[in-house]
Structures are given as C-alpha cells and as structure tokens.
Amino acid sequence: MKILKLSVLDRLMLQQLLPSQGGKIEMLLVEGITKKIEFSANEISDFGLKDIEGTGVSWTSTRDTEFEFTAEQVEILKSASKRADEEKKITRQNLPLIEKIDGM
C-alpha cells in the first residue's frame, strides 16, 4: 500500500488522466481508484466546491487529502502518467500531479 496526498485539483485532474477503456481487470482497478478519490457530500461542502457555468469547478479549500492505494492501483496510476508523457499530454497544470504519481 502506498499513500498519496492529493489536492482538490489533483483529484479532479486524476479523473481525466485515468484510462477510459482497457481490459476488465484494468477497468476494475480504475473504478476502484475513481471511487476512492470521489468527493463525498461532506467534502463538497467542506471544500466549498461549486460548479461554474461554462468554465468548470471552483473551491475554497487548500487542504490535501491522503489516499491509500494498492500496488495494483499504483501500477495503473504510473501507467497513466507514463502514457500522458509519451503522448505529450503533460501540462503545467497537471505536472505536479504527474510528479506525485511518479514519486510513489
């Protein structure tokens, strides 16, 4: 098990980084990661998450949350990071998340 501290922005971007299709086991692992980092009703309130029409989401919290990932989930995260790098999809906005994942 590995622990990863994620900000609100990290959690939102991670959804886009994960693969949307793959083998059955891979998709079960992705689904587990997605459920783990999902925002609860309490977090939505605590973090001040709000939809902004046409532009996305805003929030007021700068607090990070720790998540524990299995070895298999870490492998999925690292694979997603590697794929983003190979496809030249690393941006200044997602670079901190990529570095967190690569540092696991």
PDB file of N, CA and C in Angstrom:
ATOM      1  N   MET A   1       0.838  -1.182   0.000  1.00  0.00           N
ATOM      2  CA  MET A   1       0.000   0.000   0.000  1.00  0.00           C
ATOM      3  C   MET A   1       0.887   1.250   0.000  1.00  0.00           C
ATOM      4  N   LYS A   2       0.514   2.194  -0.807  1.00  0.00           N
ATOM      5  CA  LYS A   2       1.222   3.469  -0.897  1.00  0.00           C
ATOM      6  C   LYS A   2       0.227   4.591  -0.615  1.00  0.00           C
ATOM      7  N   ILE A   3       0.727   5.641   0.037  1.00  0.00           N
ATOM      8  CA  ILE A   3      -0.116   6.791   0.358  1.00  0.00           C
ATOM      9  C   ILE A   3       0.242   7.944  -0.574  1.00  0.00           C
ATOM     10  N   LEU A   4      -0.790   8.607  -1.072  1.00  0.00           N
ATOM     11  CA  LEU A   4      -0.616   9.744  -1.963  1.00  0.00           C
ATOM     12  C   LEU A   4      -1.491  10.877  -1.448  1.00  0.00           C
ATOM     13  N   LYS A   5      -0.889  12.056  -1.245  1.00  0.00           N
ATOM     14  CA  LYS A   5      -1.636  13.247  -0.834  1.00  0.00           C
ATOM     15  C   LYS A   5      -2.111  13.971  -2.088  1.00  0.00           C
ATOM     16  N   LEU A   6      -3.413  14.199  -2.158  1.00  0.00           N
ATOM     17  CA  LEU A   6      -3.986  14.845  -3.337  1.00  0.00           C
ATOM     18  C   LEU A   6      -4.771  16.091  -2.951  1.00  0.00           C
ATOM     19  N   SER A   7      -4.574  17.146  -3.719  1.00  0.00           N
ATOM     20  CA  SER A   7      -5.353  18.370  -3.563  1.00  0.00           C
ATOM     21  C   SER A   7      -6.684  18.201  -4.295  1.00  0.00           C
ATOM     22  N   VAL A   8      -7.562  19.170  -4.146  1.00  0.00           N
ATOM     23  CA  VAL A   8      -8.823  19.155  -4.881  1.00  0.00           C
ATOM     24  C   VAL A   8      -8.535  19.114  -6.378  1.00  0.00           C
ATOM     25  N   LEU A   9      -7.622  19.958  -6.836  1.00  0.00           N
ATOM     26  CA  LEU A   9      -7.276  20.000  -8.258  1.00  0.00           C
ATOM     27  C   LEU A   9      -6.710  18.660  -8.724  1.00  0.00           C
ATOM     28  N   ASP A  10      -5.830  18.052  -7.911  1.00  0.00           N
ATOM     29  CA  ASP A  10      -5.276  16.742  -8.262  1.00  0.00           C
ATOM     30  C   ASP A  10      -6.386  15.722  -8.471  1.00  0.00           C
ATOM     31  N   ARG A  11      -7.350  15.716  -7.569  1.00  0.00           N
ATOM     32  CA  ARG A  11      -8.442  14.746  -7.651  1.00  0.00           C
ATOM     33  C   ARG A  11      -9.289  14.959  -8.897  1.00  0.00           C
ATOM     34  N   LEU A  12      -9.515  16.205  -9.255  1.00  0.00           N
ATOM     35  CA  LEU A  12     -10.272  16.494 -10.472  1.00  0.00           C
ATOM     36  C   LEU A  12      -9.494  16.091 -11.722  1.00  0.00           C
ATOM     37  N   MET A  13      -8.197  16.391 -11.743  1.00  0.00           N
ATOM     38  CA  MET A  13      -7.376  16.072 -12.916  1.00  0.00           C
ATOM     39  C   MET A  13      -7.116  14.577 -13.047  1.00  0.00           C
ATOM     40  N   LEU A  14      -7.034  13.878 -11.926  1.00  0.00           N
ATOM     41  CA  LEU A  14      -6.761  12.442 -11.975  1.00  0.00           C
ATOM     42  C   LEU A  14      -7.861  11.703 -12.723  1.00  0.00           C
ATOM     43  N   GLN A  15      -9.079  12.185 -12.598  1.00  0.00           N
ATOM     44  CA  GLN A  15     -10.196  11.580 -13.333  1.00  0.00           C
ATOM     45  C   GLN A  15      -9.920  11.585 -14.842  1.00  0.00           C
ATOM     46  N   GLN A  16      -9.312  12.662 -15.330  1.00  0.00           N
ATOM     47  CA  GLN A  16      -9.034  12.791 -16.764  1.00  0.00           C
ATOM     48  C   GLN A  16      -7.792  12.004 -17.184  1.00  0.00           C
ATOM     49  N   LEU A  17      -6.901  11.762 -16.244  1.00  0.00           N
ATOM     50  CA  LEU A  17      -5.648  11.071 -16.535  1.00  0.00           C
ATOM     51  C   LEU A  17      -5.849   9.561 -16.662  1.00  0.00           C
ATOM     52  N   LEU A  18      -6.803   9.028 -15.913  1.00  0.00           N
ATOM     53  CA  LEU A  18      -7.021   7.583 -15.903  1.00  0.00           C
ATOM     54  C   LEU A  18      -7.588   7.102 -17.234  1.00  0.00           C
ATOM     55  N   PRO A  19      -7.252   5.867 -17.616  1.00  0.00           N
ATOM     56  CA  PRO A  19      -7.768   5.351 -18.885  1.00  0.00           C
ATOM     57  C   PRO A  19      -9.288   5.193 -18.850  1.00  0.00           C
ATOM     58  N   SER A  20      -9.928   5.420 -19.988  1.00  0.00           N
ATOM     59  CA  SER A  20     -11.381   5.284 -20.090  1.00  0.00           C
ATOM     60  C   SER A  20     -11.782   3.932 -20.655  1.00  0.00           C
ATOM     61  N   GLN A  21     -10.800   3.189 -21.142  1.00  0.00           N
ATOM     62  CA  GLN A  21     -11.069   1.840 -21.633  1.00  0.00           C
ATOM     63  C   GLN A  21      -9.832   0.985 -21.474  1.00  0.00           C
ATOM     64  N   GLY A  22     -10.043  -0.322 -21.434  1.00  0.00           N
ATOM     65  CA  GLY A  22      -8.945  -1.258 -21.265  1.00  0.00           C
ATOM     66  C   GLY A  22      -9.501  -2.632 -20.965  1.00  0.00           C
ATOM     67  N   GLY A  23      -8.665  -3.506 -20.453  1.00  0.00           N
ATOM     68  CA  GLY A  23      -9.106  -4.843 -20.082  1.00  0.00           C
ATOM     69  C   GLY A  23      -9.982  -4.795 -18.843  1.00  0.00           C
ATOM     70  N   LYS A  24     -10.679  -5.909 -18.581  1.00  0.00           N
ATOM     71  CA  LYS A  24     -11.624  -5.971 -17.470  1.00  0.00           C
ATOM     72  C   LYS A  24     -10.944  -5.675 -16.126  1.00  0.00           C
ATOM     73  N   ILE A  25      -9.821  -6.320 -15.844  1.00  0.00           N
ATOM     74  CA  ILE A  25      -9.121  -6.114 -14.573  1.00  0.00           C
ATOM     75  C   ILE A  25      -8.647  -4.671 -14.461  1.00  0.00           C
ATOM     76  N   GLU A  26      -8.084  -4.138 -15.537  1.00  0.00           N
ATOM     77  CA  GLU A  26      -7.622  -2.753 -15.534  1.00  0.00           C
ATOM     78  C   GLU A  26      -8.771  -1.799 -15.217  1.00  0.00           C
ATOM     79  N   MET A  27      -9.920  -2.008 -15.831  1.00  0.00           N
ATOM     80  CA  MET A  27     -11.065  -1.124 -15.609  1.00  0.00           C
ATOM     81  C   MET A  27     -11.634  -1.279 -14.197  1.00  0.00           C
ATOM     82  N   LEU A  28     -11.562  -2.485 -13.624  1.00  0.00           N
ATOM     83  CA  LEU A  28     -11.978  -2.667 -12.232  1.00  0.00           C
ATOM     84  C   LEU A  28     -11.059  -1.887 -11.297  1.00  0.00           C
ATOM     85  N   LEU A  29      -9.763  -1.900 -11.582  1.00  0.00           N
ATOM     86  CA  LEU A  29      -8.808  -1.136 -10.786  1.00  0.00           C
ATOM     87  C   LEU A  29      -9.034   0.370 -10.942  1.00  0.00           C
ATOM     88  N   VAL A  30      -9.287   0.804 -12.169  1.00  0.00           N
ATOM     89  CA  VAL A  30      -9.571   2.222 -12.423  1.00  0.00           C
ATOM     90  C   VAL A  30     -10.832   2.639 -11.669  1.00  0.00           C
ATOM     91  N   GLU A  31     -11.847   1.791 -11.707  1.00  0.00           N
ATOM     92  CA  GLU A  31     -13.096   2.086 -10.995  1.00  0.00           C
ATOM     93  C   GLU A  31     -12.848   2.209  -9.488  1.00  0.00           C
ATOM     94  N   GLY A  32     -11.982   1.356  -8.950  1.00  0.00           N
ATOM     95  CA  GLY A  32     -11.627   1.434  -7.531  1.00  0.00           C
ATOM     96  C   GLY A  32     -10.935   2.740  -7.191  1.00  0.00           C
ATOM     97  N   ILE A  33     -10.033   3.175  -8.061  1.00  0.00           N
ATOM     98  CA  ILE A  33      -9.341   4.461  -7.852  1.00  0.00           C
ATOM     99  C   ILE A  33     -10.341   5.604  -7.908  1.00  0.00           C
ATOM    100  N   THR A  34     -11.214   5.562  -8.898  1.00  0.00           N
ATOM    101  CA  THR A  34     -12.210   6.616  -9.088  1.00  0.00           C
ATOM    102  C   THR A  34     -13.122   6.732  -7.869  1.00  0.00           C
ATOM    103  N   LYS A  35     -13.590   5.607  -7.355  1.00  0.00           N
ATOM    104  CA  LYS A  35     -14.462   5.630  -6.177  1.00  0.00           C
ATOM    105  C   LYS A  35     -13.712   6.154  -4.954  1.00  0.00           C
ATOM    106  N   LYS A  36     -12.442   5.803  -4.859  1.00  0.00           N
ATOM    107  CA  LYS A  36     -11.634   6.221  -3.712  1.00  0.00           C
ATOM    108  C   LYS A  36     -11.457   7.737  -3.662  1.00  0.00           C
ATOM    109  N   ILE A  37     -11.263   8.376  -4.814  1.00  0.00           N
ATOM    110  CA  ILE A  37     -10.972   9.819  -4.841  1.00  0.00           C
ATOM    111  C   ILE A  37     -12.211  10.678  -5.065  1.00  0.00           C
ATOM    112  N   GLU A  38     -13.369  10.039  -5.213  1.00  0.00           N
ATOM    113  CA  GLU A  38     -14.627  10.746  -5.377  1.00  0.00           C
ATOM    114  C   GLU A  38     -14.866  11.687  -4.196  1.00  0.00           C
ATOM    115  N   PHE A  39     -15.518  12.809  -4.435  1.00  0.00           N
ATOM    116  CA  PHE A  39     -15.840  13.744  -3.370  1.00  0.00           C
ATOM    117  C   PHE A  39     -17.133  13.324  -2.685  1.00  0.00           C
ATOM    118  N   SER A  40     -17.097  13.223  -1.367  1.00  0.00           N
ATOM    119  CA  SER A  40     -18.308  12.926  -0.605  1.00  0.00           C
ATOM    120  C   SER A  40     -19.136  14.205  -0.480  1.00  0.00           C
ATOM    121  N   ALA A  41     -20.381  14.073  -0.055  1.00  0.00           N
ATOM    122  CA  ALA A  41     -21.242  15.243   0.152  1.00  0.00           C
ATOM    123  C   ALA A  41     -20.620  16.184   1.180  1.00  0.00           C
ATOM    124  N   ASN A  42     -20.035  15.618   2.226  1.00  0.00           N
ATOM    125  CA  ASN A  42     -19.390  16.454   3.251  1.00  0.00           C
ATOM    126  C   ASN A  42     -18.196  17.210   2.676  1.00  0.00           C
ATOM    127  N   GLU A  43     -17.390  16.534   1.845  1.00  0.00           N
ATOM    128  CA  GLU A  43     -16.228  17.194   1.240  1.00  0.00           C
ATOM    129  C   GLU A  43     -16.657  18.315   0.301  1.00  0.00           C
ATOM    130  N   ILE A  44     -17.716  18.100  -0.446  1.00  0.00           N
ATOM    131  CA  ILE A  44     -18.204  19.138  -1.355  1.00  0.00           C
ATOM    132  C   ILE A  44     -18.515  20.404  -0.567  1.00  0.00           C
ATOM    133  N   SER A  45     -19.141  20.222   0.581  1.00  0.00           N
ATOM    134  CA  SER A  45     -19.454  21.353   1.444  1.00  0.00           C
ATOM    135  C   SER A  45     -18.197  21.929   2.102  1.00  0.00           C
ATOM    136  N   ASP A  46     -17.373  21.041   2.694  1.00  0.00           N
ATOM    137  CA  ASP A  46     -16.160  21.485   3.397  1.00  0.00           C
ATOM    138  C   ASP A  46     -15.175  22.208   2.478  1.00  0.00           C
ATOM    139  N   PHE A  47     -15.024  21.718   1.248  1.00  0.00           N
ATOM    140  CA  PHE A  47     -14.072  22.303   0.313  1.00  0.00           C
ATOM    141  C   PHE A  47     -14.662  23.490  -0.439  1.00  0.00           C
ATOM    142  N   GLY A  48     -15.958  23.729  -0.287  1.00  0.00           N
ATOM    143  CA  GLY A  48     -16.606  24.836  -0.991  1.00  0.00           C
ATOM    144  C   GLY A  48     -16.666  24.603  -2.491  1.00  0.00           C
ATOM    145  N   LEU A  49     -16.832  23.347  -2.909  1.00  0.00           N
ATOM    146  CA  LEU A  49     -16.900  23.035  -4.342  1.00  0.00           C
ATOM    147  C   LEU A  49     -18.186  23.587  -4.952  1.00  0.00           C
ATOM    148  N   LYS A  50     -18.028  24.270  -6.093  1.00  0.00           N
ATOM    149  CA  LYS A  50     -19.172  24.836  -6.799  1.00  0.00           C
ATOM    150  C   LYS A  50     -18.946  24.717  -8.300  1.00  0.00           C
ATOM    151  N   ASP A  51     -20.017  24.398  -9.009  1.00  0.00           N
ATOM    152  CA  ASP A  51     -19.966  24.418 -10.470  1.00  0.00           C
ATOM    153  C   ASP A  51     -19.989  25.858 -10.945  1.00  0.00           C
ATOM    154  N   ILE A  52     -19.134  26.162 -11.917  1.00  0.00           N
ATOM    155  CA  ILE A  52     -19.138  27.483 -12.538  1.00  0.00           C
ATOM    156  C   ILE A  52     -19.581  27.274 -13.982  1.00  0.00           C
ATOM    157  N   GLU A  53     -20.691  27.867 -14.311  1.00  0.00           N
ATOM    158  CA  GLU A  53     -21.286  27.663 -15.628  1.00  0.00           C
ATOM    159  C   GLU A  53     -20.302  27.945 -16.760  1.00  0.00           C
ATOM    160  N   GLY A  54     -20.079  26.931 -17.578  1.00  0.00           N
ATOM    161  CA  GLY A  54     -19.239  27.079 -18.757  1.00  0.00           C
ATOM    162  C   GLY A  54     -17.741  27.017 -18.520  1.00  0.00           C
ATOM    163  N   THR A  55     -17.296  27.063 -17.261  1.00  0.00           N
ATOM    164  CA  THR A  55     -15.843  27.066 -17.041  1.00  0.00           C
ATOM    165  C   THR A  55     -15.329  25.934 -16.176  1.00  0.00           C
ATOM    166  N   GLY A  56     -16.172  25.265 -15.416  1.00  0.00           N
ATOM    167  CA  GLY A  56     -15.689  24.157 -14.605  1.00  0.00           C
ATOM    168  C   GLY A  56     -16.136  24.218 -13.163  1.00  0.00           C
ATOM    169  N   VAL A  57     -15.164  24.086 -12.254  1.00  0.00           N
ATOM    170  CA  VAL A  57     -15.447  23.968 -10.829  1.00  0.00           C
ATOM    171  C   VAL A  57     -14.554  24.935 -10.061  1.00  0.00           C
ATOM    172  N   SER A  58     -15.101  25.503  -8.982  1.00  0.00           N
ATOM    173  CA  SER A  58     -14.284  26.320  -8.080  1.00  0.00           C
ATOM    174  C   SER A  58     -14.343  25.694  -6.695  1.00  0.00           C
ATOM    175  N   TRP A  59     -13.366  26.050  -5.854  1.00  0.00           N
ATOM    176  CA  TRP A  59     -13.328  25.554  -4.484  1.00  0.00           C
ATOM    177  C   TRP A  59     -12.556  26.549  -3.639  1.00  0.00           C
ATOM    178  N   THR A  60     -12.725  26.427  -2.321  1.00  0.00           N
ATOM    179  CA  THR A  60     -12.084  27.372  -1.413  1.00  0.00           C
ATOM    180  C   THR A  60     -11.005  26.732  -0.551  1.00  0.00           C
ATOM    181  N   SER A  61     -10.969  25.418  -0.475  1.00  0.00           N
ATOM    182  CA  SER A  61     -10.033  24.722   0.408  1.00  0.00           C
ATOM    183  C   SER A  61      -8.680  24.486  -0.263  1.00  0.00           C
ATOM    184  N   THR A  62      -7.630  24.593   0.521  1.00  0.00           N
ATOM    185  CA  THR A  62      -6.289  24.258   0.021  1.00  0.00           C
ATOM    186  C   THR A  62      -5.766  23.002   0.709  1.00  0.00           C
ATOM    187  N   ARG A  63      -6.629  22.347   1.461  1.00  0.00           N
ATOM    188  CA  ARG A  63      -6.254  21.148   2.216  1.00  0.00           C
ATOM    189  C   ARG A  63      -6.087  19.945   1.293  1.00  0.00           C
ATOM    190  N   ASP A  64      -5.006  19.196   1.502  1.00  0.00           N
ATOM    191  CA  ASP A  64      -4.788  17.947   0.783  1.00  0.00           C
ATOM    192  C   ASP A  64      -5.403  16.796   1.571  1.00  0.00           C
ATOM    193  N   THR A  65      -5.754  15.736   0.867  1.00  0.00           N
ATOM    194  CA  THR A  65      -6.320  14.541   1.483  1.00  0.00           C
ATOM    195  C   THR A  65      -5.422  13.360   1.136  1.00  0.00           C
ATOM    196  N   GLU A  66      -5.171  12.505   2.127  1.00  0.00           N
ATOM    197  CA  GLU A  66      -4.347  11.319   1.904  1.00  0.00           C
ATOM    198  C   GLU A  66      -5.213  10.154   1.443  1.00  0.00           C
ATOM    199  N   PHE A  67      -4.703   9.445   0.436  1.00  0.00           N
ATOM    200  CA  PHE A  67      -5.372   8.258  -0.084  1.00  0.00           C
ATOM    201  C   PHE A  67      -4.378   7.107  -0.095  1.00  0.00           C
ATOM    202  N   GLU A  68      -4.878   5.923   0.215  1.00  0.00           N
ATOM    203  CA  GLU A  68      -4.047   4.732   0.220  1.00  0.00           C
ATOM    204  C   GLU A  68      -4.386   3.903  -1.017  1.00  0.00           C
ATOM    205  N   PHE A  69      -3.352   3.530  -1.762  1.00  0.00           N
ATOM    206  CA  PHE A  69      -3.536   2.773  -2.988  1.00  0.00           C
ATOM    207  C   PHE A  69      -2.806   1.439  -2.909  1.00  0.00           C
ATOM    208  N   THR A  70      -3.414   0.402  -3.468  1.00  0.00           N
ATOM    209  CA  THR A  70      -2.781  -0.914  -3.530  1.00  0.00           C
ATOM    210  C   THR A  70      -1.652  -0.881  -4.563  1.00  0.00           C
ATOM    211  N   ALA A  71      -0.818  -1.892  -4.544  1.00  0.00           N
ATOM    212  CA  ALA A  71       0.271  -1.986  -5.526  1.00  0.00           C
ATOM    213  C   ALA A  71      -0.282  -2.000  -6.951  1.00  0.00           C
ATOM    214  N   GLU A  72      -1.396  -2.677  -7.147  1.00  0.00           N
ATOM    215  CA  GLU A  72      -2.002  -2.755  -8.488  1.00  0.00           C
ATOM    216  C   GLU A  72      -2.553  -1.396  -8.918  1.00  0.00           C
ATOM    217  N   GLN A  73      -3.140  -0.659  -7.988  1.00  0.00           N
ATOM    218  CA  GLN A  73      -3.640   0.682  -8.312  1.00  0.00           C
ATOM    219  C   GLN A  73      -2.492   1.639  -8.605  1.00  0.00           C
ATOM    220  N   VAL A  74      -1.396   1.506  -7.867  1.00  0.00           N
ATOM    221  CA  VAL A  74      -0.212   2.331  -8.125  1.00  0.00           C
ATOM    222  C   VAL A  74       0.302   2.060  -9.531  1.00  0.00           C
ATOM    223  N   GLU A  75       0.285   0.793  -9.932  1.00  0.00           N
ATOM    224  CA  GLU A  75       0.724   0.425 -11.282  1.00  0.00           C
ATOM    225  C   GLU A  75      -0.147   1.113 -12.337  1.00  0.00           C
ATOM    226  N   ILE A  76      -1.455   1.165 -12.120  1.00  0.00           N
ATOM    227  CA  ILE A  76      -2.377   1.851 -13.038  1.00  0.00           C
ATOM    228  C   ILE A  76      -2.054   3.346 -13.087  1.00  0.00           C
ATOM    229  N   LEU A  77      -1.831   3.959 -11.920  1.00  0.00           N
ATOM    230  CA  LEU A  77      -1.509   5.384 -11.864  1.00  0.00           C
ATOM    231  C   LEU A  77      -0.209   5.691 -12.600  1.00  0.00           C
ATOM    232  N   LYS A  78       0.814   4.871 -12.371  1.00  0.00           N
ATOM    233  CA  LYS A  78       2.105   5.097 -13.033  1.00  0.00           C
ATOM    234  C   LYS A  78       1.997   4.882 -14.542  1.00  0.00           C
ATOM    235  N   SER A  79       1.202   3.913 -14.936  1.00  0.00           N
ATOM    236  CA  SER A  79       0.986   3.661 -16.359  1.00  0.00           C
ATOM    237  C   SER A  79       0.281   4.857 -17.011  1.00  0.00           C
ATOM    238  N   ALA A  80      -0.693   5.431 -16.318  1.00  0.00           N
ATOM    239  CA  ALA A  80      -1.406   6.603 -16.842  1.00  0.00           C
ATOM    240  C   ALA A  80      -0.459   7.792 -16.970  1.00  0.00           C
ATOM    241  N   SER A  81       0.425   7.955 -15.983  1.00  0.00           N
ATOM    242  CA  SER A  81       1.411   9.035 -16.025  1.00  0.00           C
ATOM    243  C   SER A  81       2.362   8.839 -17.203  1.00  0.00           C
ATOM    244  N   LYS A  82       2.832   7.619 -17.368  1.00  0.00           N
ATOM    245  CA  LYS A  82       3.758   7.314 -18.464  1.00  0.00           C
ATOM    246  C   LYS A  82       3.094   7.558 -19.822  1.00  0.00           C
ATOM    247  N   ARG A  83       1.836   7.136 -19.953  1.00  0.00           N
ATOM    248  CA  ARG A  83       1.106   7.326 -21.210  1.00  0.00           C
ATOM    249  C   ARG A  83       0.938   8.818 -21.518  1.00  0.00           C
ATOM    250  N   ALA A  84       0.607   9.612 -20.486  1.00  0.00           N
ATOM    251  CA  ALA A  84       0.455  11.057 -20.688  1.00  0.00           C
ATOM    252  C   ALA A  84       1.767  11.671 -21.163  1.00  0.00           C
ATOM    253  N   ASP A  85       2.884  11.194 -20.614  1.00  0.00           N
ATOM    254  CA  ASP A  85       4.194  11.697 -21.016  1.00  0.00           C
ATOM    255  C   ASP A  85       4.499  11.301 -22.462  1.00  0.00           C
ATOM    256  N   GLU A  86       4.269  10.034 -22.794  1.00  0.00           N
ATOM    257  CA  GLU A  86       4.554   9.548 -24.151  1.00  0.00           C
ATOM    258  C   GLU A  86       3.693  10.257 -25.191  1.00  0.00           C
ATOM    259  N   GLU A  87       2.466  10.603 -24.814  1.00  0.00           N
ATOM    260  CA  GLU A  87       1.549  11.269 -25.736  1.00  0.00           C
ATOM    261  C   GLU A  87       1.678  12.790 -25.688  1.00  0.00           C
ATOM    262  N   LYS A  88       2.689  13.268 -24.932  1.00  0.00           N
ATOM    263  CA  LYS A  88       2.951  14.710 -24.804  1.00  0.00           C
ATOM    264  C   LYS A  88       1.729  15.462 -24.283  1.00  0.00           C
ATOM    265  N   LYS A  89       1.061  14.877 -23.267  1.00  0.00           N
ATOM    266  CA  LYS A  89      -0.127  15.493 -22.691  1.00  0.00           C
ATOM    267  C   LYS A  89       0.130  16.054 -21.297  1.00  0.00           C
ATOM    268  N   ILE A  90       1.407  16.273 -20.970  1.00  0.00           N
ATOM    269  CA  ILE A  90       1.765  16.886 -19.698  1.00  0.00           C
ATOM    270  C   ILE A  90       1.638  18.400 -19.862  1.00  0.00           C
ATOM    271  N   THR A  91       0.915  19.017 -18.933  1.00  0.00           N
ATOM    272  CA  THR A  91       0.750  20.472 -18.946  1.00  0.00           C
ATOM    273  C   THR A  91       1.323  21.045 -17.651  1.00  0.00           C
ATOM    274  N   ARG A  92       1.473  22.350 -17.614  1.00  0.00           N
ATOM    275  CA  ARG A  92       1.931  22.976 -16.366  1.00  0.00           C
ATOM    276  C   ARG A  92       0.931  22.732 -15.250  1.00  0.00           C
ATOM    277  N   GLN A  93      -0.332  22.592 -15.615  1.00  0.00           N
ATOM    278  CA  GLN A  93      -1.372  22.394 -14.608  1.00  0.00           C
ATOM    279  C   GLN A  93      -1.332  20.980 -14.017  1.00  0.00           C
ATOM    280  N   ASN A  94      -1.081  19.957 -14.850  1.00  0.00           N
ATOM    281  CA  ASN A  94      -1.091  18.589 -14.317  1.00  0.00           C
ATOM    282  C   ASN A  94       0.300  18.069 -13.933  1.00  0.00           C
ATOM    283  N   LEU A  95       1.342  18.845 -14.197  1.00  0.00           N
ATOM    284  CA  LEU A  95       2.707  18.411 -13.870  1.00  0.00           C
ATOM    285  C   LEU A  95       2.892  18.066 -12.388  1.00  0.00           C
ATOM    286  N   PRO A  96       2.392  18.874 -11.437  1.00  0.00           N
ATOM    287  CA  PRO A  96       2.556  18.491 -10.030  1.00  0.00           C
ATOM    288  C   PRO A  96       1.932  17.131  -9.705  1.00  0.00           C
ATOM    289  N   LEU A  97       0.778  16.829 -10.286  1.00  0.00           N
ATOM    290  CA  LEU A  97       0.139  15.533 -10.076  1.00  0.00           C
ATOM    291  C   LEU A  97       0.984  14.416 -10.672  1.00  0.00           C
ATOM    292  N   ILE A  98       1.478  14.621 -11.882  1.00  0.00           N
ATOM    293  CA  ILE A  98       2.330  13.621 -12.540  1.00  0.00           C
ATOM    294  C   ILE A  98       3.555  13.340 -11.688  1.00  0.00           C
ATOM    295  N   GLU A  99       4.156  14.392 -11.135  1.00  0.00           N
ATOM    296  CA  GLU A  99       5.355  14.205 -10.299  1.00  0.00           C
ATOM    297  C   GLU A  99       5.027  13.460  -9.018  1.00  0.00           C
ATOM    298  N   LYS A 100       3.852  13.714  -8.427  1.00  0.00           N
ATOM    299  CA  LYS A 100       3.431  12.969  -7.241  1.00  0.00           C
ATOM    300  C   LYS A 100       3.295  11.486  -7.559  1.00  0.00           C
ATOM    301  N   ILE A 101       2.660  11.193  -8.674  1.00  0.00           N
ATOM    302  CA  ILE A 101       2.458   9.799  -9.075  1.00  0.00           C
ATOM    303  C   ILE A 101       3.804   9.129  -9.349  1.00  0.00           C
ATOM    304  N   ASP A 102       4.664   9.802 -10.086  1.00  0.00           N
ATOM    305  CA  ASP A 102       5.981   9.231 -10.415  1.00  0.00           C
ATOM    306  C   ASP A 102       6.844   9.023  -9.177  1.00  0.00           C
ATOM    307  N   GLY A 103       6.585   9.790  -8.120  1.00  0.00           N
ATOM    308  CA  GLY A 103       7.347   9.672  -6.892  1.00  0.00           C
ATOM    309  C   GLY A 103       6.865   8.561  -5.956  1.00  0.00           C
ATOM    310  N   MET A 104       5.806   7.891  -6.344  1.00  0.00           N
ATOM    311  CA  MET A 104       5.278   6.817  -5.488  1.00  0.00           C
ATOM    312  C   MET A 104       6.177   5.592  -5.495  1.00  0.00           C
TER     313      MET A 104
END
